[in-house]
Amino acid sequence: MDSKYQTITCYFCFETFEVDLEVTEMFNGHNSEIYDCVVCCNPNKIDYEIYEGEVSNIVLSDGNE
């Protein structure tokens, strides 16, 4: 399993921070993870696509849903 660091902007406070998305080379498809903002501590839901070990199409939303 590889790690793919991505910089995201918090859904709540708009500060940027890095997240470590877990990506498997053999997996292609959709994944969701929740990360707490390092500044305001609110949960950010990250929906993203993985294709050939690369992360694309990142969408952030409220992780409280």
C-alpha atoms as a PDB file:
ATOM      1  CA  MET A   1       0.000   0.000   0.000  1.00  0.00           C
ATOM      2  CA  ASP A   2       1.323   3.413  -0.937  1.00  0.00           C
ATOM      3  CA  SER A   3       0.701   6.755   0.671  1.00  0.00           C
ATOM      4  CA  LYS A   4      -0.324   9.707  -1.435  1.00  0.00           C
ATOM      5  CA  TYR A   5       0.005  13.028   0.334  1.00  0.00           C
ATOM      6  CA  GLN A   6      -2.546  15.581  -0.811  1.00  0.00           C
ATOM      7  CA  THR A   7      -3.011  19.168   0.310  1.00  0.00           C
ATOM      8  CA  ILE A   8      -6.664  19.955   0.948  1.00  0.00           C
ATOM      9  CA  THR A   9      -8.572  23.040   2.092  1.00  0.00           C
ATOM     10  CA  CYS A  10     -10.754  22.545   5.162  1.00  0.00           C
ATOM     11  CA  TYR A  11     -14.477  22.513   4.406  1.00  0.00           C
ATOM     12  CA  PHE A  12     -15.109  24.579   7.557  1.00  0.00           C
ATOM     13  CA  CYS A  13     -12.279  27.065   8.193  1.00  0.00           C
ATOM     14  CA  PHE A  14     -10.672  27.106   4.710  1.00  0.00           C
ATOM     15  CA  GLU A  15      -7.162  26.499   6.069  1.00  0.00           C
ATOM     16  CA  THR A  16      -4.975  24.115   4.072  1.00  0.00           C
ATOM     17  CA  PHE A  17      -3.381  20.961   5.480  1.00  0.00           C
ATOM     18  CA  GLU A  18      -1.913  17.703   4.221  1.00  0.00           C
ATOM     19  CA  VAL A  19      -3.634  14.337   4.378  1.00  0.00           C
ATOM     20  CA  ASP A  20      -2.145  10.911   3.767  1.00  0.00           C
ATOM     21  CA  LEU A  21      -4.534   8.999   1.500  1.00  0.00           C
ATOM     22  CA  GLU A  22      -4.062   5.240   1.392  1.00  0.00           C
ATOM     23  CA  VAL A  23      -3.771   4.012  -2.171  1.00  0.00           C
ATOM     24  CA  THR A  24      -3.287   0.443  -3.358  1.00  0.00           C
ATOM     25  CA  GLU A  25      -1.714  -0.013  -6.802  1.00  0.00           C
ATOM     26  CA  MET A  26      -4.143  -2.827  -7.624  1.00  0.00           C
ATOM     27  CA  PHE A  27      -7.290  -0.858  -6.709  1.00  0.00           C
ATOM     28  CA  ASN A  28      -9.201   1.286  -9.186  1.00  0.00           C
ATOM     29  CA  GLY A  29     -12.379   2.984  -8.014  1.00  0.00           C
ATOM     30  CA  HIS A  30     -13.874   5.254  -5.389  1.00  0.00           C
ATOM     31  CA  ASN A  31     -12.825   5.713  -1.771  1.00  0.00           C
ATOM     32  CA  SER A  32     -13.930   7.929   1.131  1.00  0.00           C
ATOM     33  CA  GLU A  33     -12.041   8.906   4.261  1.00  0.00           C
ATOM     34  CA  ILE A  34     -12.623  11.361   7.085  1.00  0.00           C
ATOM     35  CA  TYR A  35      -9.818  13.564   8.392  1.00  0.00           C
ATOM     36  CA  ASP A  36     -10.073  16.108  11.183  1.00  0.00           C
ATOM     37  CA  CYS A  37      -8.731  19.542  10.282  1.00  0.00           C
ATOM     38  CA  VAL A  38      -5.410  20.256  12.000  1.00  0.00           C
ATOM     39  CA  VAL A  39      -6.534  23.858  12.651  1.00  0.00           C
ATOM     40  CA  CYS A  40     -10.232  23.769  13.671  1.00  0.00           C
ATOM     41  CA  CYS A  41     -10.588  19.992  14.379  1.00  0.00           C
ATOM     42  CA  ASN A  42     -13.808  19.653  12.329  1.00  0.00           C
ATOM     43  CA  PRO A  43     -14.223  16.454  10.289  1.00  0.00           C
ATOM     44  CA  ASN A  44     -13.675  16.694   6.538  1.00  0.00           C
ATOM     45  CA  LYS A  45     -15.062  13.891   4.378  1.00  0.00           C
ATOM     46  CA  ILE A  46     -12.816  13.278   1.394  1.00  0.00           C
ATOM     47  CA  ASP A  47     -14.285  11.410  -1.576  1.00  0.00           C
ATOM     48  CA  TYR A  48     -11.770  10.549  -4.272  1.00  0.00           C
ATOM     49  CA  GLU A  49     -11.140   8.338  -7.278  1.00  0.00           C
ATOM     50  CA  ILE A  50      -8.121   6.075  -7.697  1.00  0.00           C
ATOM     51  CA  TYR A  51      -6.923   4.953 -11.109  1.00  0.00           C
ATOM     52  CA  GLU A  52      -3.674   3.036 -11.619  1.00  0.00           C
ATOM     53  CA  GLY A  53      -2.332   4.120  -8.229  1.00  0.00           C
ATOM     54  CA  GLU A  54      -3.047   7.825  -8.742  1.00  0.00           C
ATOM     55  CA  VAL A  55      -5.559   9.953  -6.847  1.00  0.00           C
ATOM     56  CA  SER A  56      -7.937  12.142  -8.834  1.00  0.00           C
ATOM     57  CA  ASN A  57     -11.270  13.913  -8.559  1.00  0.00           C
ATOM     58  CA  ILE A  58     -11.103  14.907  -4.882  1.00  0.00           C
ATOM     59  CA  VAL A  59     -14.358  16.236  -3.388  1.00  0.00           C
ATOM     60  CA  LEU A  60     -14.578  17.600   0.169  1.00  0.00           C
ATOM     61  CA  SER A  61     -17.729  17.730   2.256  1.00  0.00           C
ATOM     62  CA  ASP A  62     -18.965  17.918   5.837  1.00  0.00           C
ATOM     63  CA  GLY A  63     -17.767  14.827   7.718  1.00  0.00           C
ATOM     64  CA  ASN A  64     -20.620  15.170  10.229  1.00  0.00           C
ATOM     65  CA  GLU A  65     -23.185  13.785   7.766  1.00  0.00           C
END
